[in-house]
Amino acid sequence: MEYCNSDGRANERSVTLEPVDLIPLVDEGLGNSAYLLDLGDGRALAVDPPRDLRTLHAVVARRGLRVAYAADTHLHADFLTGARQLAADHGATILASAAGRRRFDHRGLRDGDEVDLGGLTLQALATPGHTDEHLAFLILDGATPVGVFTGGSLIVGSAARTDLLGADRADELARAQYASLHRLGALPDATAVWPTHGAGSFCSAPPGAARTSTIDREKATNPLLNAPDPDAFVAYLRAILGSYPAYFDRLAETNRCGPNLIAAEPTLAALDVPAVRRLIGAGGVLVDVRPVADVAAGHLPGALAIPLRGQFATWLGWLLDPAVPVVIVRNPDQDPADILWPALNIGVETIAGELAGGLTAWQAAGGSLTTTRLVTPDRVDGPVLDIRQSTEYAAGHLPDAVHIELGDLHGQEDAAPDEPVTVMCGHGERAMTAATILERAGHHGLTVLVGGAHDWARATGNPLTEGA
């Protein structure tokens, strides 16, 4: 089976789970998998396609396919759907839950409804829990189940979170999720399991490594599927839920209404220094996407550093108001498409452009730069601010480290130590983001640890502290 990464490159793996021509389209950054099912006659079914369709377009072009169907398992909170775009570009029929009350053309499906794909049949299975209107899509060859697209219900080794519709409904939806997992668990053992959420997804609880499975494997290894009763299931799921990005609270409704269609390839407009100063003066935000070392060596005062990598979109959406204009600072070798498409994928449409000429132009116009000191694990001295997720912190942290999650740091800058502090995460990227948040709030003398807690333990020979 051919796997494709989010940059469109094929990655061949030896996998024998899928007896049909299925191509997972993996977004390592958001931790999700969309799927393209080649129907064998030049047509294809896309399941949970994102708004960033670069990988999908590369695959269909290579295989000479047309997307005839675009199916969404649920109203996604972590990315915008590409189904409406595929309907416009390929003439695809959108398949989605009738209970989702989507406000654009689609074929609404209810429990038990079937769609003839031409040789294969798609059957809708109501699987509420992650969301109220969640559907799984069972693929049948005749009367034989081949595989099931489980979206955010049964995922590898776990189940997707049930608190996205509010903490007050989390337990109610967890009980629905329990029933949905057991409904799926009643499918034949050999049925392939093709989830959308997986390793790295904030919809996943907790993350794991594998992305696909089988019913018999999940029955044997999934602790949530093996919970003895609904109460135990609810307690287990509640215990492993962590924080999630702020933009999750708005994307489901955008997906209900339908994201705006994208008519042309997005571009990053060149803005001269006076234009940048005007935008920042009017409340815009500078986002520096360069690597940690480059940001440390010099960045514009007030810039928010979000190094460009797989998780760029997550932190862009978590930390910024979607209505605020954004000016990008990048290196020439960083592709604008890798900035703009991930932003569009999570509903950020306010990137006004980039600083033309970069830091050189800024300094030539009289602008100053701010530097941030980097430190190796063996050189950490003084107070430490750990901005990792709570589960990461609890698994092992430096003794006496202050803990504030990065997503909570804005508005809690005063809770950070007043004296010069070393900011740390797992590698350094999130720590640099946190350092620039603190700089914007007036903190000085900040240092960023290049590395993580285990690097410090190895370098110093000192043990980590576990627990909150």
Protein backbone atom coordinates (compact mmCIF):
# COMPACT_ATOMS: atom_id res chain seq x y z
CA MET A 1 0.00 0.00 0.00
CA GLU A 2 1.24 3.47 -0.86
CA TYR A 3 1.40 6.08 1.89
CA CYS A 4 1.77 9.74 1.00
CA ASN A 5 3.14 12.37 3.33
CA SER A 6 1.71 15.86 3.59
CA ASP A 7 4.29 17.16 1.11
CA GLY A 8 2.92 14.82 -1.56
CA ARG A 9 5.87 12.42 -1.58
CA ALA A 10 5.10 8.71 -1.71
CA ASN A 11 6.35 6.49 1.08
CA GLU A 12 6.07 2.76 0.42
CA ARG A 13 5.45 0.60 3.48
CA SER A 14 4.99 -3.13 3.74
CA VAL A 15 1.40 -3.34 4.96
CA THR A 16 -1.02 -6.19 4.39
CA LEU A 17 -4.08 -4.86 6.19
CA GLU A 18 -5.79 -3.37 3.16
CA PRO A 19 -7.09 -5.73 0.47
CA VAL A 20 -8.38 -2.80 -1.54
CA ASP A 21 -6.51 -0.05 -3.36
CA LEU A 22 -6.36 2.45 -0.53
CA ILE A 23 -3.94 5.37 -0.23
CA PRO A 24 -3.64 7.03 3.21
CA LEU A 25 -2.73 10.72 2.93
CA VAL A 26 -0.94 11.46 6.19
CA ASP A 27 -0.62 14.91 7.74
CA GLU A 28 2.09 14.36 10.34
CA GLY A 29 1.68 17.88 11.68
CA LEU A 30 -2.01 17.69 12.58
CA GLY A 31 -1.74 13.96 13.23
CA ASN A 32 -4.50 12.98 10.80
CA SER A 33 -4.98 10.68 7.85
CA ALA A 34 -7.27 11.35 4.91
CA TYR A 35 -7.83 8.46 2.53
CA LEU A 36 -8.15 8.01 -1.20
CA LEU A 37 -9.85 4.81 -2.33
CA ASP A 38 -9.17 3.97 -5.99
CA LEU A 39 -12.45 2.51 -7.27
CA GLY A 40 -10.72 0.92 -10.26
CA ASP A 41 -12.49 2.72 -13.07
CA GLY A 42 -10.74 6.08 -13.00
CA ARG A 43 -12.87 7.30 -10.10
CA ALA A 44 -11.94 7.63 -6.45
CA LEU A 45 -13.52 8.11 -3.04
CA ALA A 46 -11.85 10.66 -0.74
CA VAL A 47 -12.54 10.30 2.99
CA ASP A 48 -12.05 13.23 5.36
CA PRO A 49 -10.07 15.31 2.84
CA PRO A 50 -8.56 18.51 4.28
CA ARG A 51 -8.75 21.94 2.73
CA ASP A 52 -5.05 21.60 1.91
CA LEU A 53 -5.45 19.23 -1.03
CA ARG A 54 -1.87 19.35 -2.33
CA THR A 55 -1.12 15.73 -1.44
CA LEU A 56 -4.43 14.45 -2.78
CA HIS A 57 -4.04 16.38 -6.03
CA ALA A 58 -0.56 14.93 -6.51
CA VAL A 59 -1.87 11.37 -6.08
CA VAL A 60 -4.89 11.72 -8.36
CA ALA A 61 -2.73 13.36 -11.03
CA ARG A 62 -0.17 10.55 -10.82
CA ARG A 63 -2.87 7.89 -11.03
CA GLY A 64 -5.14 9.64 -13.52
CA LEU A 65 -8.12 9.67 -11.15
CA ARG A 66 -11.16 11.85 -10.68
CA VAL A 67 -12.61 12.20 -7.20
CA ALA A 68 -16.22 11.11 -7.60
CA TYR A 69 -17.11 11.08 -3.90
CA ALA A 70 -15.86 13.12 -0.93
CA ALA A 71 -17.03 11.71 2.39
CA ASP A 72 -16.72 13.44 5.77
CA THR A 73 -17.11 11.27 8.86
CA HIS A 74 -17.92 14.24 11.09
CA LEU A 75 -17.79 18.01 11.48
CA HIS A 76 -14.07 18.37 12.04
CA ALA A 77 -12.76 20.68 14.75
CA ASP A 78 -9.06 20.44 13.88
CA PHE A 79 -9.07 21.24 10.16
CA LEU A 80 -11.34 22.59 7.47
CA THR A 81 -12.87 20.10 5.10
CA GLY A 82 -11.77 19.90 1.47
CA ALA A 83 -14.98 18.16 0.40
CA ARG A 84 -16.63 21.33 -0.89
CA GLN A 85 -13.50 22.18 -2.89
CA LEU A 86 -13.48 18.67 -4.41
CA ALA A 87 -17.12 19.11 -5.39
CA ALA A 88 -16.17 22.32 -7.21
CA ASP A 89 -12.96 21.00 -8.79
CA HIS A 90 -13.88 17.39 -9.57
CA GLY A 91 -17.68 17.37 -9.50
CA ALA A 92 -17.52 15.10 -6.44
CA THR A 93 -20.68 14.13 -4.60
CA ILE A 94 -20.28 15.04 -0.93
CA LEU A 95 -21.34 12.31 1.49
CA ALA A 96 -21.94 13.35 5.09
CA SER A 97 -24.28 12.88 8.01
CA ALA A 98 -27.76 14.27 7.48
CA ALA A 99 -27.77 15.10 11.19
CA GLY A 100 -24.88 17.52 10.64
CA ARG A 101 -27.20 20.09 9.01
CA ARG A 102 -24.48 21.24 6.61
CA ARG A 103 -25.41 24.37 4.69
CA PHE A 104 -24.04 23.36 1.29
CA ASP A 105 -25.00 20.75 -1.28
CA HIS A 106 -24.35 17.21 -0.08
CA ARG A 107 -25.98 13.80 0.10
CA GLY A 108 -27.12 13.42 3.69
CA LEU A 109 -26.70 9.91 5.05
CA ARG A 110 -28.35 8.23 8.00
CA ASP A 111 -27.57 5.03 9.82
CA GLY A 112 -27.73 2.07 7.43
CA ASP A 113 -27.84 4.13 4.23
CA GLU A 114 -25.78 2.68 1.40
CA VAL A 115 -23.97 4.24 -1.57
CA ASP A 116 -23.11 2.12 -4.61
CA LEU A 117 -19.50 2.95 -5.47
CA GLY A 118 -19.46 0.64 -8.48
CA GLY A 119 -18.28 -2.79 -7.34
CA LEU A 120 -17.96 -1.72 -3.71
CA THR A 121 -20.64 -0.37 -1.38
CA LEU A 122 -20.30 2.31 1.29
CA GLN A 123 -22.61 1.83 4.28
CA ALA A 124 -23.11 4.57 6.86
CA LEU A 125 -22.89 3.55 10.52
CA ALA A 126 -24.04 6.02 13.19
CA THR A 127 -21.17 6.23 15.69
CA PRO A 128 -21.78 9.26 17.94
CA GLY A 129 -19.33 10.18 20.68
CA HIS A 130 -16.56 12.29 19.22
CA THR A 131 -19.40 14.42 17.82
CA ASP A 132 -23.17 13.98 17.87
CA GLU A 133 -23.51 13.41 14.13
CA HIS A 134 -20.50 11.15 13.63
CA LEU A 135 -20.66 8.44 10.98
CA ALA A 136 -18.29 5.59 10.23
CA PHE A 137 -18.20 4.37 6.64
CA LEU A 138 -18.10 0.60 6.18
CA ILE A 139 -16.79 -0.59 2.82
CA LEU A 140 -18.44 -3.79 1.59
CA ASP A 141 -17.41 -6.10 -1.24
CA GLY A 142 -20.75 -7.72 -1.87
CA ALA A 143 -21.89 -8.63 1.64
CA THR A 144 -18.34 -8.90 3.01
CA PRO A 145 -16.91 -6.06 5.12
CA VAL A 146 -13.50 -5.04 3.82
CA GLY A 147 -12.66 -2.07 6.02
CA VAL A 148 -14.23 0.75 7.96
CA PHE A 149 -13.37 4.44 7.95
CA THR A 150 -13.78 5.18 11.64
CA GLY A 151 -12.99 8.91 11.66
CA GLY A 152 -12.93 9.96 15.31
CA SER A 153 -14.65 6.96 16.88
CA LEU A 154 -12.43 3.86 17.13
CA ILE A 155 -8.80 4.85 16.57
CA VAL A 156 -5.65 2.80 16.91
CA GLY A 157 -5.23 1.89 20.57
CA SER A 158 -7.76 4.42 21.79
CA ALA A 159 -10.82 6.53 20.96
CA ALA A 160 -11.07 10.17 19.97
CA ARG A 161 -11.88 12.74 22.62
CA THR A 162 -15.46 13.53 23.62
CA ASP A 163 -15.11 17.00 25.16
CA LEU A 164 -15.07 19.16 22.04
CA LEU A 165 -18.75 20.10 22.40
CA GLY A 166 -18.12 21.35 25.92
CA ALA A 167 -16.93 19.89 29.20
CA ASP A 168 -20.55 19.63 30.36
CA ARG A 169 -21.26 17.06 27.63
CA ALA A 170 -18.00 15.12 27.79
CA ASP A 171 -19.29 12.25 29.94
CA GLU A 172 -22.55 11.95 28.01
CA LEU A 173 -20.67 11.73 24.73
CA ALA A 174 -18.14 9.33 26.25
CA ARG A 175 -21.00 6.93 26.96
CA ALA A 176 -22.11 7.27 23.36
CA GLN A 177 -18.51 6.67 22.29
CA TYR A 178 -18.45 3.47 24.37
CA ALA A 179 -21.49 2.17 22.51
CA SER A 180 -20.02 3.20 19.14
CA LEU A 181 -16.75 1.38 19.80
CA HIS A 182 -18.60 -1.77 20.73
CA ARG A 183 -20.74 -1.51 17.61
CA LEU A 184 -17.60 -1.33 15.51
CA GLY A 185 -15.99 -4.09 17.57
CA ALA A 186 -18.82 -6.42 16.48
CA LEU A 187 -17.61 -6.27 12.86
CA PRO A 188 -15.71 -9.32 11.56
CA ASP A 189 -12.23 -9.64 13.04
CA ALA A 190 -10.47 -9.25 9.68
CA THR A 191 -12.13 -5.89 8.95
CA ALA A 192 -9.49 -3.18 8.44
CA VAL A 193 -9.76 -0.09 10.66
CA TRP A 194 -8.95 3.20 8.93
CA PRO A 195 -9.17 6.09 11.45
CA THR A 196 -8.76 9.77 10.65
CA HIS A 197 -7.21 10.83 13.95
CA GLY A 198 -3.90 9.34 15.04
CA ALA A 199 -0.44 10.09 16.35
CA GLY A 200 0.00 13.80 17.00
CA SER A 201 -3.67 14.73 16.74
CA PHE A 202 -5.15 16.78 19.58
CA CYS A 203 -8.42 14.97 18.78
CA SER A 204 -6.71 11.72 19.71
CA ALA A 205 -6.56 10.49 23.28
CA PRO A 206 -3.81 9.48 23.77
CA PRO A 207 -1.58 9.51 20.68
CA GLY A 208 0.01 6.32 19.39
CA ALA A 209 2.33 5.37 16.57
CA ALA A 210 0.31 3.15 14.19
CA ARG A 211 -2.31 4.71 11.92
CA THR A 212 -4.33 1.72 10.71
CA SER A 213 -5.34 -1.54 12.34
CA THR A 214 -7.90 -4.36 12.24
CA ILE A 215 -10.89 -5.12 14.42
CA ASP A 216 -9.25 -8.20 15.94
CA ARG A 217 -6.09 -6.25 16.75
CA GLU A 218 -8.10 -3.51 18.48
CA LYS A 219 -10.12 -6.06 20.44
CA ALA A 220 -6.87 -7.57 21.65
CA THR A 221 -4.95 -4.38 22.45
CA ASN A 222 -7.19 -1.32 22.78
CA PRO A 223 -7.77 -0.54 26.49
CA LEU A 224 -10.87 1.53 25.75
CA LEU A 225 -12.47 -1.21 23.69
CA ASN A 226 -11.73 -3.54 26.60
CA ALA A 227 -13.16 -1.32 29.32
CA PRO A 228 -15.48 -3.54 31.38
CA ASP A 229 -18.41 -1.13 31.45
CA PRO A 230 -19.43 2.42 30.44
CA ASP A 231 -18.42 3.89 33.81
CA ALA A 232 -14.88 2.52 33.53
CA PHE A 233 -14.70 3.74 29.93
CA VAL A 234 -15.74 7.26 30.93
CA ALA A 235 -13.25 7.37 33.78
CA TYR A 236 -10.38 6.11 31.61
CA LEU A 237 -11.14 8.52 28.76
CA ARG A 238 -11.54 11.49 31.10
CA ALA A 239 -8.15 10.75 32.67
CA ILE A 240 -6.25 10.92 29.39
CA LEU A 241 -7.83 14.05 27.94
CA GLY A 242 -5.43 16.99 27.73
CA SER A 243 -5.82 20.54 26.47
CA TYR A 244 -6.58 21.28 22.84
CA PRO A 245 -6.04 24.26 20.51
CA ALA A 246 -8.35 27.24 20.86
CA TYR A 247 -9.32 27.16 17.19
CA PHE A 248 -11.09 23.81 17.70
CA ASP A 249 -13.95 25.78 19.23
CA ARG A 250 -14.79 27.51 15.95
CA LEU A 251 -13.89 25.18 13.07
CA ALA A 252 -16.81 22.77 13.40
CA GLU A 253 -19.27 25.57 12.68
CA THR A 254 -17.15 26.75 9.74
CA ASN A 255 -17.28 23.20 8.41
CA ARG A 256 -21.06 23.16 8.86
CA CYS A 257 -21.36 26.31 6.78
CA GLY A 258 -18.71 25.19 4.29
CA PRO A 259 -15.26 26.79 3.94
CA ASN A 260 -14.83 29.37 1.24
CA LEU A 261 -13.70 27.95 -2.09
CA ILE A 262 -10.13 28.72 -3.14
CA ALA A 263 -10.03 29.87 -6.75
CA ALA A 264 -6.27 30.33 -7.19
CA GLU A 265 -3.00 29.26 -5.62
CA PRO A 266 -2.41 31.47 -2.55
CA THR A 267 0.56 33.83 -2.68
CA LEU A 268 2.58 35.71 -0.10
CA ALA A 269 2.51 39.40 -0.95
CA ALA A 270 5.77 41.36 -0.57
CA LEU A 271 5.38 44.23 1.93
CA ASP A 272 7.98 46.94 2.31
CA VAL A 273 9.07 48.16 5.73
CA PRO A 274 6.68 51.14 5.91
CA ALA A 275 3.75 48.86 5.03
CA VAL A 276 4.79 46.39 7.71
CA ARG A 277 5.08 49.16 10.29
CA ARG A 278 1.60 50.40 9.39
CA LEU A 279 0.09 46.94 9.78
CA ILE A 280 1.81 46.35 13.12
CA GLY A 281 0.76 49.81 14.31
CA ALA A 282 -2.84 48.93 13.46
CA GLY A 283 -2.72 45.78 15.59
CA GLY A 284 -1.20 43.25 13.21
CA VAL A 285 1.20 40.53 14.35
CA LEU A 286 4.64 39.62 13.04
CA VAL A 287 5.12 35.85 12.82
CA ASP A 288 8.71 34.70 12.40
CA VAL A 289 8.76 31.20 10.89
CA ARG A 290 12.54 30.80 10.67
CA PRO A 291 14.40 28.04 12.53
CA VAL A 292 15.15 28.47 16.24
CA ALA A 293 18.83 29.33 15.74
CA ASP A 294 17.99 32.05 13.21
CA VAL A 295 15.35 33.60 15.46
CA ALA A 296 17.77 33.53 18.40
CA ALA A 297 20.45 35.30 16.37
CA GLY A 298 18.13 38.22 15.67
CA HIS A 299 14.42 38.90 15.24
CA LEU A 300 12.14 41.90 14.99
CA PRO A 301 11.04 43.28 18.37
CA GLY A 302 7.53 42.06 19.15
CA ALA A 303 7.63 39.19 16.65
CA LEU A 304 6.02 35.90 17.60
CA ALA A 305 8.28 33.00 16.63
CA ILE A 306 6.50 29.90 15.29
CA PRO A 307 9.20 27.88 13.51
CA LEU A 308 7.98 26.33 10.26
CA ARG A 309 7.54 22.59 10.73
CA GLY A 310 4.71 20.08 10.80
CA GLN A 311 3.09 21.61 13.89
CA PHE A 312 3.23 25.18 12.53
CA ALA A 313 -0.50 25.39 11.82
CA THR A 314 -1.47 24.05 15.24
CA TRP A 315 0.39 26.81 17.08
CA LEU A 316 -0.58 29.50 14.57
CA GLY A 317 -4.23 28.70 15.19
CA TRP A 318 -3.82 28.24 18.93
CA LEU A 319 -1.98 31.47 19.67
CA LEU A 320 -3.40 34.01 17.21
CA ASP A 321 -6.73 35.75 16.90
CA PRO A 322 -7.99 34.68 13.44
CA ALA A 323 -9.16 38.22 12.73
CA VAL A 324 -5.74 39.84 13.25
CA PRO A 325 -3.59 40.59 10.17
CA VAL A 326 -0.35 38.59 10.05
CA VAL A 327 2.99 39.55 8.52
CA ILE A 328 5.40 36.68 7.90
CA VAL A 329 9.17 36.80 8.35
CA ARG A 330 10.86 33.85 6.60
CA ASN A 331 14.10 32.69 5.07
CA PRO A 332 14.32 32.64 1.26
CA ASP A 333 14.50 28.83 1.21
CA GLN A 334 11.20 28.45 3.07
CA ASP A 335 8.39 27.80 0.59
CA PRO A 336 5.46 30.24 0.95
CA ALA A 337 3.07 27.40 0.09
CA ASP A 338 4.18 25.56 3.23
CA ILE A 339 3.11 28.60 5.24
CA LEU A 340 -0.09 29.56 3.45
CA TRP A 341 -1.74 26.17 2.91
CA PRO A 342 -1.40 24.97 6.51
CA ALA A 343 -2.80 28.33 7.63
CA LEU A 344 -5.78 28.01 5.29
CA ASN A 345 -6.26 24.45 6.48
CA ILE A 346 -7.13 25.70 9.97
CA GLY A 347 -9.05 28.77 8.86
CA VAL A 348 -6.38 31.48 9.12
CA GLU A 349 -7.07 33.72 6.12
CA THR A 350 -5.53 36.97 7.38
CA ILE A 351 -1.91 36.60 6.29
CA ALA A 352 -1.35 40.00 4.72
CA GLY A 353 2.07 39.21 3.26
CA GLU A 354 5.74 39.00 4.20
CA LEU A 355 8.48 41.45 5.06
CA ALA A 356 10.16 42.02 1.70
CA GLY A 357 13.91 41.72 2.01
CA GLY A 358 13.66 40.21 5.49
CA LEU A 359 15.89 41.37 8.32
CA THR A 360 18.31 43.08 5.96
CA ALA A 361 15.60 45.44 4.72
CA TRP A 362 14.37 46.04 8.26
CA GLN A 363 17.81 47.05 9.52
CA ALA A 364 18.51 49.16 6.44
CA ALA A 365 15.38 51.15 7.30
CA GLY A 366 16.67 51.78 10.81
CA GLY A 367 14.90 48.92 12.55
CA SER A 368 16.48 47.17 15.53
CA LEU A 369 16.69 43.45 16.29
CA THR A 370 16.24 41.42 19.47
CA THR A 371 18.40 38.40 20.29
CA THR A 372 17.63 35.41 22.50
CA ARG A 373 20.34 33.31 24.11
CA LEU A 374 20.37 29.56 23.44
CA VAL A 375 21.71 27.11 26.01
CA THR A 376 22.66 23.43 25.82
CA PRO A 377 21.33 20.93 28.40
CA ASP A 378 24.57 20.86 30.39
CA ARG A 379 24.50 24.65 30.82
CA VAL A 380 21.06 25.18 32.34
CA ASP A 381 21.30 27.43 35.39
CA GLY A 382 18.67 29.22 37.43
CA PRO A 383 14.88 29.01 37.20
CA VAL A 384 13.25 26.97 34.43
CA LEU A 385 9.88 27.47 32.74
CA ASP A 386 8.56 24.27 31.14
CA ILE A 387 5.84 25.01 28.58
CA ARG A 388 5.07 21.47 27.41
CA GLN A 389 1.66 19.79 27.63
CA SER A 390 0.69 18.52 31.07
CA THR A 391 1.15 14.88 30.09
CA GLU A 392 4.68 15.59 28.87
CA TYR A 393 5.51 17.50 32.04
CA ALA A 394 4.14 14.77 34.30
CA ALA A 395 6.20 12.12 32.49
CA GLY A 396 9.41 13.81 33.61
CA HIS A 397 10.57 17.37 34.22
CA LEU A 398 13.47 19.26 35.73
CA PRO A 399 13.21 19.59 39.54
CA ASP A 400 11.44 22.81 40.62
CA ALA A 401 10.56 23.77 37.02
CA VAL A 402 7.59 26.13 36.76
CA HIS A 403 4.94 24.69 34.44
CA ILE A 404 2.65 26.73 32.18
CA GLU A 405 1.43 25.15 28.95
CA LEU A 406 2.33 27.15 25.86
CA GLY A 407 -1.31 27.42 24.88
CA ASP A 408 -2.07 29.07 28.24
CA LEU A 409 0.96 31.36 28.43
CA HIS A 410 -0.61 34.42 26.81
CA GLY A 411 -2.41 36.14 29.66
CA GLN A 412 -0.34 34.31 32.28
CA GLU A 413 3.01 35.90 31.50
CA ASP A 414 3.13 37.33 35.03
CA ALA A 415 3.14 33.77 36.41
CA ALA A 416 6.56 33.20 34.84
CA PRO A 417 9.56 33.94 37.08
CA ASP A 418 10.50 37.63 37.14
CA GLU A 419 14.21 36.89 37.10
CA PRO A 420 16.02 35.63 33.99
CA VAL A 421 14.60 32.20 33.16
CA THR A 422 15.39 29.29 30.85
CA VAL A 423 12.38 28.32 28.74
CA MET A 424 12.16 24.70 27.65
CA CYS A 425 9.98 22.24 25.76
CA GLY A 426 10.87 18.95 24.06
CA HIS A 427 13.35 20.25 21.49
CA GLY A 428 13.36 24.05 21.43
CA GLU A 429 10.74 25.18 18.90
CA ARG A 430 7.86 25.67 21.33
CA ALA A 431 10.26 27.17 23.86
CA MET A 432 11.29 29.82 21.34
CA THR A 433 7.63 30.60 20.73
CA ALA A 434 7.13 30.98 24.48
CA ALA A 435 10.22 33.17 24.82
CA THR A 436 8.88 35.60 22.22
CA ILE A 437 5.50 35.68 23.99
CA LEU A 438 7.31 36.63 27.19
CA GLU A 439 9.44 39.21 25.38
CA ARG A 440 6.27 40.81 24.00
CA ALA A 441 5.03 41.05 27.62
CA GLY A 442 8.21 42.80 28.77
CA HIS A 443 10.32 39.93 30.11
CA HIS A 444 14.08 40.19 29.60
CA GLY A 445 17.14 37.97 29.98
CA LEU A 446 15.40 34.91 28.55
CA THR A 447 17.25 31.77 27.53
CA VAL A 448 15.93 28.91 25.39
CA LEU A 449 17.03 25.33 26.00
CA VAL A 450 18.04 23.52 22.83
CA GLY A 451 16.85 20.04 23.74
CA GLY A 452 14.45 18.58 26.27
CA ALA A 453 14.14 17.13 29.74
CA HIS A 454 15.73 13.79 28.89
CA ASP A 455 18.62 15.57 27.19
CA TRP A 456 19.21 17.47 30.44
CA ALA A 457 19.08 14.26 32.48
CA ARG A 458 21.62 12.58 30.21
CA ALA A 459 23.92 15.60 30.15
CA THR A 460 23.92 16.17 33.91
CA GLY A 461 23.35 12.69 35.29
CA ASN A 462 20.50 14.05 37.42
CA PRO A 463 17.09 12.39 37.67
CA LEU A 464 13.88 13.95 36.41
CA THR A 465 10.89 14.56 38.65
CA GLU A 466 7.68 12.79 37.67
CA GLY A 467 4.10 13.84 38.30
CA ALA A 468 2.37 17.20 38.25
